[in-house]
Structures are given as C-alpha cells and as structure tokens.
Protein backbone atom coordinates (compact mmCIF):
# COMPACT_ATOMS: atom_id res chain seq x y z
CA MET A 1 12.77 46.89 93.56
CA THR A 2 15.08 45.32 90.96
CA THR A 3 16.55 47.28 88.04
CA ILE A 4 18.14 46.67 84.67
CA ALA A 5 21.91 47.01 85.05
CA SER A 6 22.56 49.82 82.59
CA ASP A 7 21.14 51.71 79.63
CA ALA A 8 24.20 50.76 77.62
CA ARG A 9 23.08 47.20 77.74
CA LEU A 10 19.84 48.20 76.00
CA ALA A 11 21.71 49.56 73.02
CA GLY A 12 24.60 47.08 72.89
CA THR A 13 24.83 43.68 71.31
CA GLU A 14 25.17 41.90 74.66
CA ARG A 15 21.83 41.97 76.34
CA THR A 16 20.41 39.94 79.20
CA TYR A 17 16.74 39.46 79.95
CA PRO A 18 14.92 38.84 83.21
CA PRO A 19 13.52 35.43 84.23
CA ARG A 20 10.15 34.11 83.14
CA ALA A 21 8.49 35.15 86.42
CA ALA A 22 9.35 38.78 85.67
CA VAL A 23 7.78 38.58 82.19
CA ILE A 24 4.61 36.90 83.50
CA SER A 25 4.32 39.53 86.22
CA TRP A 26 4.56 42.27 83.58
CA ILE A 27 1.87 40.57 81.50
CA PHE A 28 -0.44 40.67 84.52
CA PHE A 29 -0.59 44.46 84.26
CA ASP A 30 -2.99 43.92 81.35
CA TRP A 31 -5.04 41.55 83.53
CA ALA A 32 -5.06 44.17 86.32
CA ALA A 33 -6.08 47.13 84.14
CA GLN A 34 -8.55 45.48 81.74
CA PRO A 35 -11.60 45.47 84.06
CA TYR A 36 -11.63 49.27 83.88
CA PHE A 37 -12.16 49.09 80.12
CA THR A 38 -14.44 46.04 80.27
CA LEU A 39 -16.64 46.92 83.25
CA ILE A 40 -16.60 50.73 83.29
CA THR A 41 -16.16 52.05 79.77
CA THR A 42 -17.82 49.33 77.71
CA PHE A 43 -20.18 46.69 79.05
CA VAL A 44 -21.62 47.59 82.46
CA PHE A 45 -21.24 51.10 83.81
CA ALA A 46 -21.37 53.12 80.57
CA PRO A 47 -24.63 51.48 79.36
CA TYR A 48 -26.04 51.75 82.91
CA PHE A 49 -25.23 55.47 82.89
CA ALA A 50 -26.92 55.97 79.52
CA THR A 51 -30.09 54.05 80.39
CA SER A 52 -30.60 54.68 84.12
CA ILE A 53 -28.80 57.89 85.15
CA ALA A 54 -29.03 60.11 82.06
CA PRO A 55 -32.48 61.33 80.96
CA ASP A 56 -32.44 59.08 77.87
CA PRO A 57 -29.91 56.86 75.98
CA ALA A 58 -29.08 59.47 73.32
CA THR A 59 -28.37 62.14 75.96
CA GLY A 60 -26.37 59.58 77.95
CA GLN A 61 -24.25 58.69 74.91
CA SER A 62 -23.67 62.39 74.29
CA LEU A 63 -22.66 63.23 77.90
CA TRP A 64 -20.39 60.18 78.17
CA GLY A 65 -18.76 61.23 74.91
CA PHE A 66 -18.04 64.72 76.23
CA ALA A 67 -16.42 63.30 79.41
CA ALA A 68 -14.32 60.86 77.38
CA ALA A 69 -13.28 63.73 75.10
CA ALA A 70 -12.12 65.84 78.08
CA ALA A 71 -10.04 62.97 79.45
CA GLY A 72 -8.58 62.31 76.00
CA LEU A 73 -7.49 65.93 75.65
CA VAL A 74 -5.60 65.83 78.98
CA ILE A 75 -3.93 62.55 78.00
CA ALA A 76 -2.99 63.92 74.59
CA LEU A 77 -1.33 67.03 76.02
CA LEU A 78 0.64 65.33 78.80
CA SER A 79 1.61 61.88 77.44
CA PRO A 80 4.71 62.83 75.43
CA VAL A 81 5.93 65.19 78.15
CA LEU A 82 5.65 62.54 80.86
CA GLY A 83 7.24 59.93 78.59
CA ALA A 84 10.21 62.21 77.93
CA ILE A 85 10.65 62.86 81.66
CA ALA A 86 10.49 59.12 82.37
CA ASP A 87 13.24 58.42 79.80
CA ALA A 88 15.44 61.08 81.38
CA SER A 89 14.78 59.95 84.97
CA GLY A 90 15.02 56.24 84.12
CA GLN A 91 12.40 54.57 86.23
CA ARG A 92 8.91 53.58 85.07
CA LYS A 93 7.37 52.00 88.17
CA PRO A 94 6.91 55.22 90.20
CA TRP A 95 4.86 56.63 87.33
CA ILE A 96 2.78 53.45 87.07
CA ALA A 97 2.13 53.61 90.82
CA THR A 98 1.10 57.28 90.71
CA PHE A 99 -1.33 56.95 87.84
CA GLY A 100 -2.53 53.57 89.07
CA ALA A 101 -3.58 55.33 92.29
CA ILE A 102 -5.56 57.88 90.25
CA LEU A 103 -7.26 55.00 88.40
CA VAL A 104 -8.16 53.32 91.70
CA LEU A 105 -9.53 56.50 93.31
CA GLY A 106 -11.48 57.62 90.23
CA SER A 107 -13.08 54.25 89.53
CA SER A 108 -13.94 53.65 93.20
CA ALA A 109 -15.73 57.01 93.34
CA MET A 110 -18.13 55.87 90.61
CA TRP A 111 -20.12 54.03 93.29
CA ILE A 112 -21.96 57.34 93.81
CA GLY A 113 -23.83 56.95 90.51
CA LYS A 114 -27.37 56.37 91.80
CA PRO A 115 -30.16 55.99 89.21
CA GLY A 116 -32.50 58.85 88.49
CA ASP A 117 -30.38 61.53 90.18
CA PRO A 118 -29.37 64.22 87.64
CA GLY A 119 -27.33 66.07 90.28
CA ILE A 120 -24.87 63.20 90.47
CA ILE A 121 -23.95 63.40 86.77
CA PRO A 122 -21.19 66.11 86.96
CA PRO A 123 -19.16 64.50 89.81
CA LEU A 124 -19.70 61.06 88.32
CA LEU A 125 -18.36 62.08 84.91
CA THR A 126 -15.43 63.83 86.63
CA ALA A 127 -14.55 60.58 88.42
CA PHE A 128 -14.79 58.72 85.09
CA ALA A 129 -12.48 61.23 83.39
CA LEU A 130 -9.90 60.99 86.21
CA ALA A 131 -9.94 57.20 86.13
CA SER A 132 -9.48 57.28 82.34
CA VAL A 133 -6.44 59.54 82.69
CA GLY A 134 -4.94 57.23 85.33
CA ALA A 135 -5.53 54.08 83.28
CA GLU A 136 -4.03 55.50 80.09
CA PHE A 137 -0.93 57.05 81.67
CA ALA A 138 -0.17 53.91 83.69
CA THR A 139 -0.40 51.94 80.42
CA VAL A 140 2.07 54.31 78.67
CA PHE A 141 4.81 53.55 81.21
CA ASN A 142 4.00 49.86 81.39
CA ASN A 143 4.35 49.59 77.59
CA ALA A 144 7.74 51.32 77.77
CA MET A 145 9.12 48.39 79.83
CA MET A 146 8.63 45.88 76.99
CA PRO A 147 12.02 46.10 75.18
CA THR A 148 13.89 45.03 78.34
CA LEU A 149 11.84 41.86 78.88
CA VAL A 150 12.32 39.66 75.79
CA PRO A 151 14.48 39.56 72.63
CA PRO A 152 13.23 41.65 69.67
CA GLU A 153 12.02 38.60 67.75
CA ARG A 154 9.61 37.78 70.59
CA ILE A 155 8.16 41.26 71.13
CA GLY A 156 5.09 40.52 69.02
CA ARG A 157 4.27 37.41 70.97
CA LEU A 158 4.80 39.22 74.29
CA SER A 159 2.46 42.03 73.22
CA GLY A 160 -0.18 39.60 71.94
CA ASN A 161 0.00 37.47 75.08
CA GLY A 162 -0.41 40.61 77.18
CA TRP A 163 -3.56 41.62 75.32
CA ALA A 164 -4.92 38.05 75.46
CA THR A 165 -4.29 37.89 79.21
CA GLY A 166 -6.04 41.23 79.58
CA TYR A 167 -9.07 39.90 77.75
CA VAL A 168 -9.19 36.88 80.06
CA GLY A 169 -9.06 39.25 83.02
CA GLY A 170 -11.94 41.18 81.51
CA ILE A 171 -13.93 37.97 80.99
CA THR A 172 -13.28 36.86 84.56
CA SER A 173 -14.26 40.17 86.15
CA LEU A 174 -17.36 40.46 83.95
CA SER A 175 -18.39 36.90 84.80
CA ILE A 176 -18.10 37.70 88.52
CA VAL A 177 -20.27 40.80 88.12
CA LEU A 178 -22.95 39.09 86.03
CA GLY A 179 -22.98 35.83 87.98
CA PHE A 180 -22.86 37.13 91.53
CA LEU A 181 -23.28 40.91 91.82
CA ALA A 182 -25.51 42.55 89.16
CA ALA A 183 -29.15 41.44 89.14
CA ASN A 184 -32.12 42.09 86.91
CA PRO A 185 -34.17 44.79 88.70
CA GLU A 186 -37.39 42.97 87.78
CA THR A 187 -36.44 39.50 89.06
CA GLY A 188 -33.79 40.38 91.64
CA ARG A 189 -31.62 37.55 90.32
CA THR A 190 -28.21 37.48 88.67
CA LEU A 191 -27.43 35.71 85.39
CA LEU A 192 -26.74 32.50 87.35
CA GLY A 193 -30.01 32.82 89.26
CA PHE A 194 -28.50 33.97 92.57
CA THR A 195 -29.47 36.87 94.78
CA PRO A 196 -26.62 39.42 94.67
CA LEU A 197 -23.77 38.98 97.12
CA PHE A 198 -23.21 41.45 99.98
CA GLY A 199 -26.89 42.41 99.94
CA LEU A 200 -26.50 44.56 96.82
CA ASP A 201 -29.85 46.14 95.95
CA PRO A 202 -31.03 45.52 92.36
CA ALA A 203 -33.57 48.35 92.57
CA THR A 204 -30.83 50.97 93.01
CA HIS A 205 -28.47 49.17 90.61
CA GLN A 206 -25.82 48.58 93.25
CA GLY A 207 -24.63 45.60 91.22
CA ASP A 208 -23.82 47.95 88.33
CA ARG A 209 -22.28 50.60 90.58
CA ILE A 210 -20.04 48.12 92.43
CA THR A 211 -18.01 47.74 89.23
CA GLY A 212 -16.19 50.97 90.16
CA PRO A 213 -14.78 49.83 93.54
CA LEU A 214 -14.26 46.31 92.16
CA THR A 215 -12.11 47.72 89.35
CA GLY A 216 -9.94 49.59 91.86
CA LEU A 217 -9.48 46.59 94.15
CA TRP A 218 -8.77 44.30 91.19
CA PHE A 219 -6.03 46.62 89.93
CA ILE A 220 -4.32 46.81 93.33
CA ILE A 221 -4.24 43.03 93.74
CA PHE A 222 -3.07 42.02 90.28
CA VAL A 223 -0.60 44.81 89.52
CA THR A 224 1.37 43.97 92.68
CA PRO A 225 3.44 41.11 91.09
CA MET A 226 4.77 43.54 88.47
CA PHE A 227 6.10 45.83 91.20
CA LEU A 228 7.64 42.89 93.07
CA PHE A 229 9.19 40.79 90.30
CA THR A 230 9.58 42.77 87.06
CA PRO A 231 12.86 44.76 86.83
CA ASP A 232 12.68 48.49 86.27
CA TYR A 233 15.12 50.81 84.55
CA PRO A 234 17.72 52.27 86.93
CA ALA A 235 17.23 55.75 88.33
CA LYS A 236 19.42 58.17 86.37
CA ARG A 237 18.58 61.76 87.29
CA PRO A 238 16.51 63.68 89.86
CA VAL A 239 13.03 64.60 88.67
CA ARG A 240 13.82 68.33 88.32
CA LYS A 241 16.83 67.66 86.10
CA ALA A 242 14.90 64.95 84.24
CA LEU A 243 12.16 67.49 83.54
CA ARG A 244 14.60 69.87 81.82
CA GLU A 245 16.38 67.12 79.87
CA GLY A 246 13.16 65.33 79.02
CA LEU A 247 11.54 68.41 77.53
CA SER A 248 14.73 69.13 75.56
CA ASP A 249 14.75 65.56 74.21
CA LEU A 250 11.07 65.82 73.33
CA LYS A 251 11.69 68.99 71.34
CA ARG A 252 14.52 67.23 69.50
CA SER A 253 12.36 64.17 68.76
CA LEU A 254 9.53 66.30 67.39
CA GLY A 255 12.03 68.11 65.18
CA GLU A 256 13.34 64.80 63.85
CA LEU A 257 9.92 63.35 63.03
CA PRO A 258 9.63 64.88 59.53
CA LYS A 259 12.85 63.05 58.59
CA GLN A 260 11.52 59.72 59.91
CA LYS A 261 8.81 59.33 57.32
CA SER A 262 7.64 55.81 58.22
CA LEU A 263 7.52 56.58 61.94
CA ALA A 264 5.67 59.84 61.32
CA ALA A 265 3.17 58.14 58.98
CA PHE A 266 2.59 55.37 61.52
CA LEU A 267 2.02 57.79 64.40
CA LEU A 268 -0.47 59.72 62.26
CA ALA A 269 -2.25 56.51 61.24
CA ASN A 270 -2.32 55.39 64.87
CA MET A 271 -3.83 58.74 65.83
CA ILE A 272 -6.77 58.16 63.51
CA TYR A 273 -7.52 54.45 63.74
CA THR A 274 -7.04 54.29 67.52
CA ASP A 275 -9.59 57.06 67.90
CA GLY A 276 -12.02 55.00 65.83
CA LEU A 277 -11.33 51.80 67.77
CA VAL A 278 -11.59 53.37 71.23
CA SER A 279 -14.81 55.12 70.27
CA LEU A 280 -16.22 51.90 68.83
CA PHE A 281 -15.55 49.98 72.04
CA ALA A 282 -16.63 52.87 74.28
CA PHE A 283 -20.02 53.27 72.60
CA GLY A 284 -20.75 49.70 71.49
CA GLY A 285 -22.55 48.82 74.72
CA ILE A 286 -24.41 52.13 74.83
CA TYR A 287 -25.46 51.63 71.20
CA ALA A 288 -26.77 48.13 71.95
CA ALA A 289 -28.65 49.40 75.01
CA GLY A 290 -30.42 52.01 72.92
CA THR A 291 -31.02 49.82 69.85
CA PHE A 292 -32.21 46.61 71.50
CA GLY A 293 -33.15 47.79 74.99
CA TRP A 294 -30.46 45.56 76.51
CA HIS A 295 -29.66 45.92 80.20
CA THR A 296 -26.69 44.82 82.26
CA ILE A 297 -27.15 41.04 81.92
CA GLN A 298 -27.60 41.11 78.13
CA ILE A 299 -24.78 43.60 77.57
CA GLY A 300 -22.52 41.78 80.02
CA THR A 301 -23.13 38.42 78.37
CA PHE A 302 -22.39 40.03 75.02
CA GLY A 303 -19.21 41.41 76.57
CA ILE A 304 -18.08 37.95 77.71
CA MET A 305 -18.57 36.56 74.21
CA LEU A 306 -16.75 39.50 72.66
CA ALA A 307 -13.87 39.18 75.13
CA ILE A 308 -13.52 35.45 74.44
CA ALA A 309 -13.25 36.27 70.73
CA GLY A 310 -10.75 38.99 71.60
CA THR A 311 -8.62 36.58 73.64
CA PHE A 312 -8.18 34.20 70.71
CA GLY A 313 -7.71 37.11 68.32
CA ALA A 314 -4.92 38.65 70.42
CA TRP A 315 -3.19 35.29 70.95
CA LEU A 316 -3.30 34.47 67.23
CA GLY A 317 -2.35 38.03 66.32
CA GLY A 318 0.79 37.78 68.46
CA LYS A 319 1.93 34.72 66.53
CA LEU A 320 1.11 36.32 63.17
CA ASP A 321 2.93 39.47 64.30
CA ASP A 322 6.23 37.61 64.74
CA SER A 323 5.83 35.66 61.49
CA LEU A 324 4.20 38.18 59.11
CA GLY A 325 5.11 41.49 60.73
CA PRO A 326 2.94 43.92 62.68
CA LYS A 327 1.95 46.05 59.69
CA ARG A 328 0.12 43.17 58.00
CA VAL A 329 -1.65 42.31 61.26
CA ILE A 330 -2.76 45.93 61.71
CA THR A 331 -4.03 46.14 58.12
CA GLY A 332 -6.02 42.91 58.34
CA SER A 333 -7.50 43.90 61.69
CA MET A 334 -8.63 47.28 60.37
CA LEU A 335 -10.32 45.73 57.36
CA ILE A 336 -12.30 43.41 59.63
CA LEU A 337 -13.27 46.32 61.90
CA LEU A 338 -14.35 48.49 58.97
CA LEU A 339 -16.56 45.82 57.40
CA SER A 340 -18.06 44.80 60.76
CA LEU A 341 -18.88 48.39 61.69
CA ALA A 342 -20.53 49.02 58.33
CA ALA A 343 -22.60 45.87 58.80
CA ILE A 344 -23.65 46.82 62.34
CA LEU A 345 -25.04 50.10 61.06
CA LEU A 346 -27.35 48.04 58.82
CA VAL A 347 -28.74 46.04 61.76
CA ASP A 348 -31.75 47.28 63.70
CA LYS A 349 -34.01 45.53 66.17
CA ASP A 350 -36.48 44.60 63.41
CA SER A 351 -34.20 44.43 60.34
CA ILE A 352 -30.90 43.00 59.10
CA PHE A 353 -29.41 44.59 55.97
CA PHE A 354 -32.84 46.11 55.12
CA ILE A 355 -34.54 42.69 55.44
CA LYS A 356 -37.39 42.74 57.96
CA VAL A 357 -37.14 40.26 60.86
CA ALA A 358 -39.21 39.66 63.96
CA PRO A 359 -38.18 42.08 66.75
CA PRO A 360 -37.08 40.72 70.16
CA VAL A 361 -39.97 39.72 72.42
CA PRO A 362 -39.96 41.64 75.74
CA GLY A 363 -39.10 39.21 78.52
CA GLY A 364 -38.17 36.52 76.00
CA ALA A 365 -35.12 34.27 75.90
CA LEU A 366 -31.66 35.81 75.89
CA PHE A 367 -30.73 37.01 72.37
CA ALA A 368 -33.79 35.33 70.84
CA GLY A 369 -34.17 37.97 68.12
CA ALA A 370 -32.44 37.40 64.78
CA ALA A 371 -31.11 40.98 64.76
CA GLU A 372 -29.66 40.48 68.22
CA ARG A 373 -27.82 37.36 67.09
CA ALA A 374 -26.46 39.21 64.04
CA TYR A 375 -25.18 41.95 66.35
CA LEU A 376 -23.50 39.30 68.50
CA VAL A 377 -21.64 37.82 65.52
CA LEU A 378 -20.49 41.21 64.28
CA GLY A 379 -19.47 42.24 67.79
CA CYS A 380 -17.33 39.13 68.15
CA LEU A 381 -15.58 39.96 64.88
CA ILE A 382 -14.82 43.42 66.26
CA GLY A 383 -13.51 41.89 69.47
CA ALA A 384 -11.33 39.42 67.59
CA ALA A 385 -9.80 42.22 65.50
CA GLY A 386 -9.41 44.85 68.21
CA GLY A 387 -6.83 42.97 70.29
CA PRO A 388 -4.39 42.25 67.43
CA LEU A 389 -4.72 45.83 66.19
CA GLN A 390 -3.62 47.28 69.53
CA ALA A 391 -0.99 44.64 70.30
CA ALA A 392 0.63 44.87 66.85
CA SER A 393 0.59 48.67 67.04
CA ARG A 394 2.83 48.78 70.09
CA THR A 395 5.08 46.13 68.48
CA LEU A 396 5.45 48.24 65.33
CA LEU A 397 6.35 51.28 67.41
CA ILE A 398 9.14 49.33 69.14
CA ARG A 399 10.50 48.37 65.71
CA LEU A 400 10.47 51.95 64.45
CA ALA A 401 11.44 54.05 67.51
CA PRO A 402 14.95 54.79 68.87
CA LYS A 403 15.62 52.34 71.70
CA ASP A 404 17.14 54.90 74.08
CA ARG A 405 14.01 57.06 73.98
CA ILE A 406 11.37 54.34 74.06
CA ALA A 407 9.21 55.82 76.86
CA GLN A 408 9.24 59.17 75.09
CA TYR A 409 8.05 57.55 71.88
CA PHE A 410 5.42 55.59 73.77
CA GLY A 411 4.39 58.99 75.07
CA LEU A 412 4.16 60.20 71.47
CA PHE A 413 2.34 56.95 70.69
CA ALA A 414 -0.15 57.76 73.44
CA LEU A 415 -0.29 61.34 72.17
CA THR A 416 -1.22 60.20 68.69
CA GLY A 417 -3.64 57.72 70.21
CA LYS A 418 -5.22 60.50 72.27
CA VAL A 419 -4.56 63.85 70.61
CA THR A 420 -7.69 63.36 68.53
CA SER A 421 -9.30 60.84 70.87
CA PHE A 422 -11.61 63.57 72.08
CA ILE A 423 -12.72 64.11 68.47
CA GLY A 424 -14.31 60.66 68.06
CA PRO A 425 -16.42 60.83 71.25
CA LEU A 426 -17.07 64.53 70.64
CA LEU A 427 -18.31 63.91 67.09
CA ILE A 428 -20.46 61.02 68.28
CA GLY A 429 -21.78 63.18 71.11
CA VAL A 430 -22.52 66.19 68.91
CA ILE A 431 -23.99 64.26 65.96
CA THR A 432 -26.10 62.10 68.27
CA ALA A 433 -27.35 65.21 70.10
CA VAL A 434 -28.17 67.05 66.86
CA THR A 435 -29.85 64.13 65.06
CA ALA A 436 -31.20 62.32 68.17
CA SER A 437 -29.99 59.16 66.40
CA GLN A 438 -27.41 56.80 67.86
CA LYS A 439 -26.95 55.16 64.45
CA VAL A 440 -26.00 58.41 62.71
CA GLY A 441 -23.62 59.22 65.56
CA MET A 442 -21.82 55.88 65.24
CA ALA A 443 -21.58 56.09 61.43
CA VAL A 444 -18.84 58.73 61.68
CA LEU A 445 -16.37 56.03 62.80
CA VAL A 446 -16.22 54.54 59.30
CA VAL A 447 -14.15 57.55 58.21
CA PHE A 448 -11.54 56.91 60.91
CA PHE A 449 -10.75 53.37 59.73
CA VAL A 450 -10.66 54.30 56.04
CA ALA A 451 -8.23 57.15 56.72
CA GLY A 452 -6.10 54.95 58.99
CA LEU A 453 -5.73 52.32 56.28
CA GLY A 454 -4.65 54.94 53.76
CA LEU A 455 -1.91 56.31 56.02
CA LEU A 456 -0.68 52.88 57.12
CA ALA A 457 0.06 52.03 53.47
CA ARG A 458 2.89 54.60 53.62
CA VAL A 459 4.68 52.88 56.53
CA ARG A 460 7.75 50.71 55.91
CA GLU A 461 8.53 48.27 58.72
CA GLU A 462 12.28 48.12 58.09
C-alpha cells in the first residue's frame, strides 16, 4: 500500500501528486459504490419493497423511511468522531475497507426479501440500515483523500468526474439487472425479452432481490484498484492514541465553528438541502410506483434515463465548478431541483398541472401516458441537477476547511448531511402514514430546498 510522503507536504508550497492511474483508481470508488444507491435505495429494491413486500405502497414508503431515518441517525452521530480519529491516525484505506465490508454484508443479506412475507420485514430493514451505514462511512473517508490527488484548481473537475463515473456505473448495473436478471412476473421476460439468467424466478421476484448480492460483488471488484494504486496518507499514531487526539481535535473544531461564519453557514445549508436531496432520490421510485403503478422494468428504465441525465449534469457541473465556483453551481442546482419537485407534485396519472389527460392503459406501451412522460422529463431534470449539487458541495468544503483536518471536516460534512437526514424520511414516513397520501408526504421536501438556498446565500467562497 503506497502512502503520501508527509503531512507537511500537504500544507507546504511544494506538493507532488500521484500519477494518473492513481486518480482514475480513486474515481472508480464512485463507480463501485453507486449501484447501492441506484439499485437498492432508488430504482429497484426500494420500490419492490413498497409494492410487493409491504402491505401497500404507502405503508412501504413509511417503513422504508423509518429504516433510512435510523441509519441516518447512526451516521450523524459517528461521522465527525470517525473523521477526527482518521485525521489523527493518518490512514483512510483501513476505514474504507471496514465500512465497505459492512456495505457488502448488509446489501448481500437483502436477498432474503421474499414477496408477501411480513415476517421478513424487520431483518430486511435492518440489513438495509447496516448497508446504508457502511456506504456512507466508506464515502466519508474516500472523499477525504481528494486534496492529495490533484492541484486545488482541478478539485472541482475531479469531484464532477467522480460523480459522472458513478452515474455511469449506476447505469451499467441497472442495465444488467433490467436486461438480464429482473423479469416481468406476468410475461417472465426481461426488458430485452430474455428469460432471466441463472434461473432467477420472476414469480418470487428473484431478479429484484439479486440486486443486493450484485451490489456487494460489484463493490468488491471495482473498489480494488483504489486499494492497489491510489496512495494513502501515512500512518501517524496508534488507534488508541488517535482516538484521544481525534476527539480533542473535534472538540476544538466545534469550538472554532462560530468564528468561521462561512464554513458554519455552509455546513448548516448542507445539512438541510442534502436531507431534501437524499429523501427525493430515496422516495422518487417509491412515489412513481404508487402513483403510476410502475414495476421494476418501468422504474428501472426511468432510472437509466435519469442516470444518463445525471452523468452529463455531473460532468458539466465539474467544469462549471472550476470556472464559476462551487457556490454558483450549488445554487443553480438547487433552483432546478426546487422547481422540478414542485412540478412533480402537480403531476398525477390522469392530470398534468390540473389539466386532465388520458391515464396510462394497463398493459400498454412503456410510458405511453402523457403524465408518465411528464414525470420522466422532470425526473431527468432532477437527475441532471443532483450530481452537480453533491459534487460541488464536497469541492466547496475543501475550499473552506483547514487542510490538516480534512477528514475531520468531511466527518462534519457527513454529520451535517446526516444529522437531520432521519428527519426527511421520518417526516415523509409520518405524514404519509397520517394522510395515507404519498403526494402530501413528498411535498414536505420543498421546505428543505428553500431553506438551503437561504442559508447558502450567507456563504463566501474566499
């Protein structure tokens, strides 16, 4: 395992950077991790859970929201602590390996989710929560490696390229599932007209359930180049000593935050708008399943289109980040998300903006309904804006945070991205349960983006 020569080099004027192969290998972490978010939390498993395992879609959305909220609370409490320990101990890769293993085990266990079995719901949601914790913590430490890989003026492009590569990984994994593994239970055929590989049974939704083990295997294969070729920080202190020093540094950093007004305002804004974005992606597929009656093939195809839009959005956002600055990219992305979400709430299966349209015909052509096509367009706008928002956010943090405590501040970044992340899913879950309306549950997310925009206006990039 290679290492960066010294921490002094990070803070000094003379700085060397690893070869291109190391940077590309780091970028492939996003490719390795993205199928968890694409297949499990958004387009395949979450909608399958809501429509085929839970008693009804509204209850499924509510239960999934409670599990996501529990995972978010754990992530919020531990992220800054682990980041501080990592800064004190030096190395990032051991942490990525540990939490990557939790991601692999948790996602693989989701194979147990058989349809129509209420008894499987508690262990299944536990596996989902564990996998979510693993994915998020591994991402915290992977993000903290960024400042050592490229010069500061190229950080935005590196972040955008990472997100774009992740989207391509999501598209690829989703295409494999839809084309070769997940079949329509009525026809027994995949989107490409094949019978599922490996004898997967459409009647018991094995094509949907295989996304869990596939996510774990995918991560193991594609994260390996990062461990082999991307340099790590050098080991500095034993874990026990790093724990004491890391917690002391964290206390000092929290005490300094009120004096760092722009950084504090950004972390607060990130706390709010990230909660809205994660909730929007997490429940978009479930919402479509309940509104239009979409199943895996329709939702998966929608996911491919959204991810393609996200790939171009992240790539373009990376370029705009370096030329215009991350704050402008974040602001523009949030405005697009806010307007698209408001428009989606005015689309139903038989109406668009209160104008009546013909509802989708059962068994008809894919996305034949006008409302379905409107949802596709708005979803692609959300996908195109989501990537730049997340990529530019981690770039802005690098510009604002002290360089010698970057993992700690990425821990705080994850904290602010997760400390209220249980609130979005929880509010959606509670409001959906109380009103029995998915639309009313989703409407709460408008508040998150409006508040995030207001706080971001107080951030100065310099």
